[in-house]
Amino acid sequence: MNQYKSAAFNYLKDEKKIHVKEIDEVAFSVCFEGDNCKDIPVIVIFDEDGSNHVAVRCFGISNAQFAGKEAAALALCNALNNQFRWVKFTLNDDAEISASIDGILDLDTCGEEIYHLIMLIVGITDEAYPEIMRARFS
């Protein structure tokens, strides 16, 4: 198991009292409820080689499908990427908008760092959600 994953998993579970679900040896998930978006699932993925790199992903934000509206969804992603500094929005192969943030961790503080990255992606995703829904239903 990746030592960064183990340290972050335990920090979130024990220190922050967050329900953390283990996916596999290199990933776990958490889910939050925002003010705008009632279901913000976040997946935290660590490198298999045990390095200190991490990917934090929010796939398929509220399952907002943009099939047939890919051009509008890409324009929205560009606008969101210009509006929000730390999180990158993309249109995936399933015509869903996803959010991502990457980081480099320090073993001594990786739990706090992961918590910060998760809260950042959750907050920004929740703030962007109304714009995503407007674009989805326009």
C-alpha atoms as a PDB file:
ATOM      1  CA  MET A   1       0.000   0.000   0.000  1.00  0.00           C
ATOM      2  CA  ASN A   2       1.197   3.488  -0.779  1.00  0.00           C
ATOM      3  CA  GLN A   3       2.411   5.063   2.489  1.00  0.00           C
ATOM      4  CA  TYR A   4       0.962   8.425   1.476  1.00  0.00           C
ATOM      5  CA  LYS A   5      -2.429   6.823   0.910  1.00  0.00           C
ATOM      6  CA  SER A   6      -2.313   5.093   4.251  1.00  0.00           C
ATOM      7  CA  ALA A   7      -1.330   8.259   6.128  1.00  0.00           C
ATOM      8  CA  ALA A   8      -3.964  10.393   4.365  1.00  0.00           C
ATOM      9  CA  PHE A   9      -6.693   7.758   4.755  1.00  0.00           C
ATOM     10  CA  ASN A  10      -6.046   7.477   8.500  1.00  0.00           C
ATOM     11  CA  TYR A  11      -5.859  11.252   8.953  1.00  0.00           C
ATOM     12  CA  LEU A  12      -9.200  11.823   7.259  1.00  0.00           C
ATOM     13  CA  LYS A  13     -10.854   8.954   9.126  1.00  0.00           C
ATOM     14  CA  ASP A  14      -9.365   9.556  12.581  1.00  0.00           C
ATOM     15  CA  GLU A  15      -8.628  13.282  12.765  1.00  0.00           C
ATOM     16  CA  LYS A  16     -11.352  14.734  10.524  1.00  0.00           C
ATOM     17  CA  LYS A  17     -13.965  12.013  11.188  1.00  0.00           C
ATOM     18  CA  ILE A  18     -14.736  11.777   7.473  1.00  0.00           C
ATOM     19  CA  HIS A  19     -16.241   8.581   6.076  1.00  0.00           C
ATOM     20  CA  VAL A  20     -13.532   7.310   3.737  1.00  0.00           C
ATOM     21  CA  LYS A  21     -14.130   4.354   1.443  1.00  0.00           C
ATOM     22  CA  GLU A  22     -11.149   2.367   0.232  1.00  0.00           C
ATOM     23  CA  ILE A  23     -11.293   1.609  -3.475  1.00  0.00           C
ATOM     24  CA  ASP A  24      -8.049  -0.345  -3.880  1.00  0.00           C
ATOM     25  CA  GLU A  25      -4.377  -0.223  -2.903  1.00  0.00           C
ATOM     26  CA  VAL A  26      -3.862   3.242  -4.399  1.00  0.00           C
ATOM     27  CA  ALA A  27      -7.225   4.984  -4.174  1.00  0.00           C
ATOM     28  CA  PHE A  28     -10.014   5.941  -1.826  1.00  0.00           C
ATOM     29  CA  SER A  29     -13.175   8.006  -2.092  1.00  0.00           C
ATOM     30  CA  VAL A  30     -15.094  10.493   0.012  1.00  0.00           C
ATOM     31  CA  CYS A  31     -18.411  12.170  -0.652  1.00  0.00           C
ATOM     32  CA  PHE A  32     -19.625  15.600   0.377  1.00  0.00           C
ATOM     33  CA  GLU A  33     -22.810  17.608   0.148  1.00  0.00           C
ATOM     34  CA  GLY A  34     -22.453  21.217  -0.933  1.00  0.00           C
ATOM     35  CA  ASP A  35     -24.775  24.192  -0.830  1.00  0.00           C
ATOM     36  CA  ASN A  36     -25.526  23.887  -4.556  1.00  0.00           C
ATOM     37  CA  CYS A  37     -24.646  20.296  -5.381  1.00  0.00           C
ATOM     38  CA  LYS A  38     -26.035  17.610  -3.101  1.00  0.00           C
ATOM     39  CA  ASP A  39     -23.607  14.873  -4.152  1.00  0.00           C
ATOM     40  CA  ILE A  40     -19.928  15.664  -4.678  1.00  0.00           C
ATOM     41  CA  PRO A  41     -17.986  12.382  -4.886  1.00  0.00           C
ATOM     42  CA  VAL A  42     -14.222  12.752  -4.733  1.00  0.00           C
ATOM     43  CA  ILE A  43     -11.680  10.084  -5.607  1.00  0.00           C
ATOM     44  CA  VAL A  44      -8.105  10.403  -4.363  1.00  0.00           C
ATOM     45  CA  ILE A  45      -5.586   8.431  -6.433  1.00  0.00           C
ATOM     46  CA  PHE A  46      -1.976   7.839  -5.402  1.00  0.00           C
ATOM     47  CA  ASP A  47       0.854   6.623  -7.619  1.00  0.00           C
ATOM     48  CA  GLU A  48       1.333   2.859  -7.716  1.00  0.00           C
ATOM     49  CA  ASP A  49       5.094   3.247  -7.412  1.00  0.00           C
ATOM     50  CA  GLY A  50       4.727   4.800  -3.949  1.00  0.00           C
ATOM     51  CA  SER A  51       5.827   8.264  -5.035  1.00  0.00           C
ATOM     52  CA  ASN A  52       4.471  11.417  -3.442  1.00  0.00           C
ATOM     53  CA  HIS A  53       2.188  12.419  -6.326  1.00  0.00           C
ATOM     54  CA  VAL A  54      -1.574  12.487  -5.926  1.00  0.00           C
ATOM     55  CA  ALA A  55      -4.555  13.049  -8.214  1.00  0.00           C
ATOM     56  CA  VAL A  56      -7.832  14.284  -6.754  1.00  0.00           C
ATOM     57  CA  ARG A  57     -10.800  13.798  -9.073  1.00  0.00           C
ATOM     58  CA  CYS A  58     -14.488  14.543  -9.125  1.00  0.00           C
ATOM     59  CA  PHE A  59     -15.882  12.553 -12.034  1.00  0.00           C
ATOM     60  CA  GLY A  60     -19.236  13.186 -13.666  1.00  0.00           C
ATOM     61  CA  ILE A  61     -20.381  16.110 -11.566  1.00  0.00           C
ATOM     62  CA  SER A  62     -23.964  15.156 -10.642  1.00  0.00           C
ATOM     63  CA  ASN A  63     -24.123  13.045 -13.783  1.00  0.00           C
ATOM     64  CA  ALA A  64     -24.685  16.091 -15.957  1.00  0.00           C
ATOM     65  CA  GLN A  65     -24.687  14.578 -19.436  1.00  0.00           C
ATOM     66  CA  PHE A  66     -23.713  16.844 -22.325  1.00  0.00           C
ATOM     67  CA  ALA A  67     -24.227  14.379 -25.178  1.00  0.00           C
ATOM     68  CA  GLY A  68     -25.018  16.438 -28.255  1.00  0.00           C
ATOM     69  CA  LYS A  69     -23.905  19.605 -26.466  1.00  0.00           C
ATOM     70  CA  GLU A  70     -20.171  18.958 -26.453  1.00  0.00           C
ATOM     71  CA  ALA A  71     -19.257  22.339 -27.949  1.00  0.00           C
ATOM     72  CA  ALA A  72     -21.194  24.185 -25.249  1.00  0.00           C
ATOM     73  CA  ALA A  73     -19.682  21.946 -22.565  1.00  0.00           C
ATOM     74  CA  LEU A  74     -16.141  22.620 -23.815  1.00  0.00           C
ATOM     75  CA  ALA A  75     -16.824  26.356 -23.859  1.00  0.00           C
ATOM     76  CA  LEU A  76     -18.123  26.056 -20.291  1.00  0.00           C
ATOM     77  CA  CYS A  77     -15.011  24.128 -19.221  1.00  0.00           C
ATOM     78  CA  ASN A  78     -12.823  26.860 -20.699  1.00  0.00           C
ATOM     79  CA  ALA A  79     -14.809  29.548 -18.894  1.00  0.00           C
ATOM     80  CA  LEU A  80     -14.635  27.649 -15.590  1.00  0.00           C
ATOM     81  CA  ASN A  81     -10.905  27.064 -16.018  1.00  0.00           C
ATOM     82  CA  ASN A  82     -10.438  30.807 -16.494  1.00  0.00           C
ATOM     83  CA  GLN A  83     -12.611  31.563 -13.476  1.00  0.00           C
ATOM     84  CA  PHE A  84     -11.092  29.074 -11.010  1.00  0.00           C
ATOM     85  CA  ARG A  85      -7.367  28.971 -10.489  1.00  0.00           C
ATOM     86  CA  TRP A  86      -6.707  25.606  -8.839  1.00  0.00           C
ATOM     87  CA  VAL A  87      -9.177  23.149 -10.339  1.00  0.00           C
ATOM     88  CA  LYS A  88      -9.261  22.014 -13.958  1.00  0.00           C
ATOM     89  CA  PHE A  89     -12.601  21.165 -15.571  1.00  0.00           C
ATOM     90  CA  THR A  90     -12.713  18.764 -18.504  1.00  0.00           C
ATOM     91  CA  LEU A  91     -15.298  17.022 -20.660  1.00  0.00           C
ATOM     92  CA  ASN A  92     -14.741  13.269 -20.493  1.00  0.00           C
ATOM     93  CA  ASP A  93     -15.554  10.546 -23.033  1.00  0.00           C
ATOM     94  CA  ASP A  94     -18.983   9.997 -21.468  1.00  0.00           C
ATOM     95  CA  ALA A  95     -19.943  13.647 -22.177  1.00  0.00           C
ATOM     96  CA  GLU A  96     -19.730  14.499 -18.475  1.00  0.00           C
ATOM     97  CA  ILE A  97     -17.840  17.370 -16.908  1.00  0.00           C
ATOM     98  CA  SER A  98     -15.202  16.367 -14.378  1.00  0.00           C
ATOM     99  CA  ALA A  99     -12.981  18.362 -12.057  1.00  0.00           C
ATOM    100  CA  SER A 100      -9.385  17.594 -11.132  1.00  0.00           C
ATOM    101  CA  ILE A 101      -6.486  18.815  -9.065  1.00  0.00           C
ATOM    102  CA  ASP A 102      -3.027  17.289  -8.644  1.00  0.00           C
ATOM    103  CA  GLY A 103      -0.479  17.645  -5.904  1.00  0.00           C
ATOM    104  CA  ILE A 104       2.905  16.681  -4.542  1.00  0.00           C
ATOM    105  CA  LEU A 105       2.851  15.535  -0.935  1.00  0.00           C
ATOM    106  CA  ASP A 106       5.126  15.574   2.079  1.00  0.00           C
ATOM    107  CA  LEU A 107       4.786  12.383   4.131  1.00  0.00           C
ATOM    108  CA  ASP A 108       4.715  14.243   7.456  1.00  0.00           C
ATOM    109  CA  THR A 109       1.800  16.469   6.431  1.00  0.00           C
ATOM    110  CA  CYS A 110       0.094  14.537   3.621  1.00  0.00           C
ATOM    111  CA  GLY A 111      -3.151  14.043   5.545  1.00  0.00           C
ATOM    112  CA  GLU A 112      -3.586  17.779   5.976  1.00  0.00           C
ATOM    113  CA  GLU A 113      -2.527  18.393   2.385  1.00  0.00           C
ATOM    114  CA  ILE A 114      -5.042  15.860   1.026  1.00  0.00           C
ATOM    115  CA  TYR A 115      -7.760  17.357   3.224  1.00  0.00           C
ATOM    116  CA  HIS A 116      -6.955  20.800   1.801  1.00  0.00           C
ATOM    117  CA  LEU A 117      -7.035  19.503  -1.800  1.00  0.00           C
ATOM    118  CA  ILE A 118     -10.346  17.732  -1.196  1.00  0.00           C
ATOM    119  CA  MET A 119     -11.930  20.811   0.370  1.00  0.00           C
ATOM    120  CA  LEU A 120     -10.623  22.916  -2.519  1.00  0.00           C
ATOM    121  CA  ILE A 121     -12.106  20.691  -5.227  1.00  0.00           C
ATOM    122  CA  VAL A 122     -15.384  20.297  -3.307  1.00  0.00           C
ATOM    123  CA  GLY A 123     -15.746  24.041  -2.765  1.00  0.00           C
ATOM    124  CA  ILE A 124     -14.953  24.973  -6.338  1.00  0.00           C
ATOM    125  CA  THR A 125     -17.122  22.189  -7.775  1.00  0.00           C
ATOM    126  CA  ASP A 126     -20.020  23.311  -5.597  1.00  0.00           C
ATOM    127  CA  GLU A 127     -19.538  26.925  -6.680  1.00  0.00           C
ATOM    128  CA  ALA A 128     -19.375  25.942 -10.367  1.00  0.00           C
ATOM    129  CA  TYR A 129     -22.355  23.587 -10.169  1.00  0.00           C
ATOM    130  CA  PRO A 130     -25.072  26.170 -10.967  1.00  0.00           C
ATOM    131  CA  GLU A 131     -23.206  27.203 -14.120  1.00  0.00           C
ATOM    132  CA  ILE A 132     -22.831  23.555 -15.130  1.00  0.00           C
ATOM    133  CA  MET A 133     -26.544  22.935 -14.651  1.00  0.00           C
ATOM    134  CA  ARG A 134     -27.519  26.103 -16.557  1.00  0.00           C
ATOM    135  CA  ALA A 135     -25.366  24.987 -19.475  1.00  0.00           C
ATOM    136  CA  ARG A 136     -26.744  21.463 -19.270  1.00  0.00           C
ATOM    137  CA  PHE A 137     -30.371  22.544 -19.506  1.00  0.00           C
ATOM    138  CA  SER A 138     -30.004  25.478 -21.885  1.00  0.00           C
END
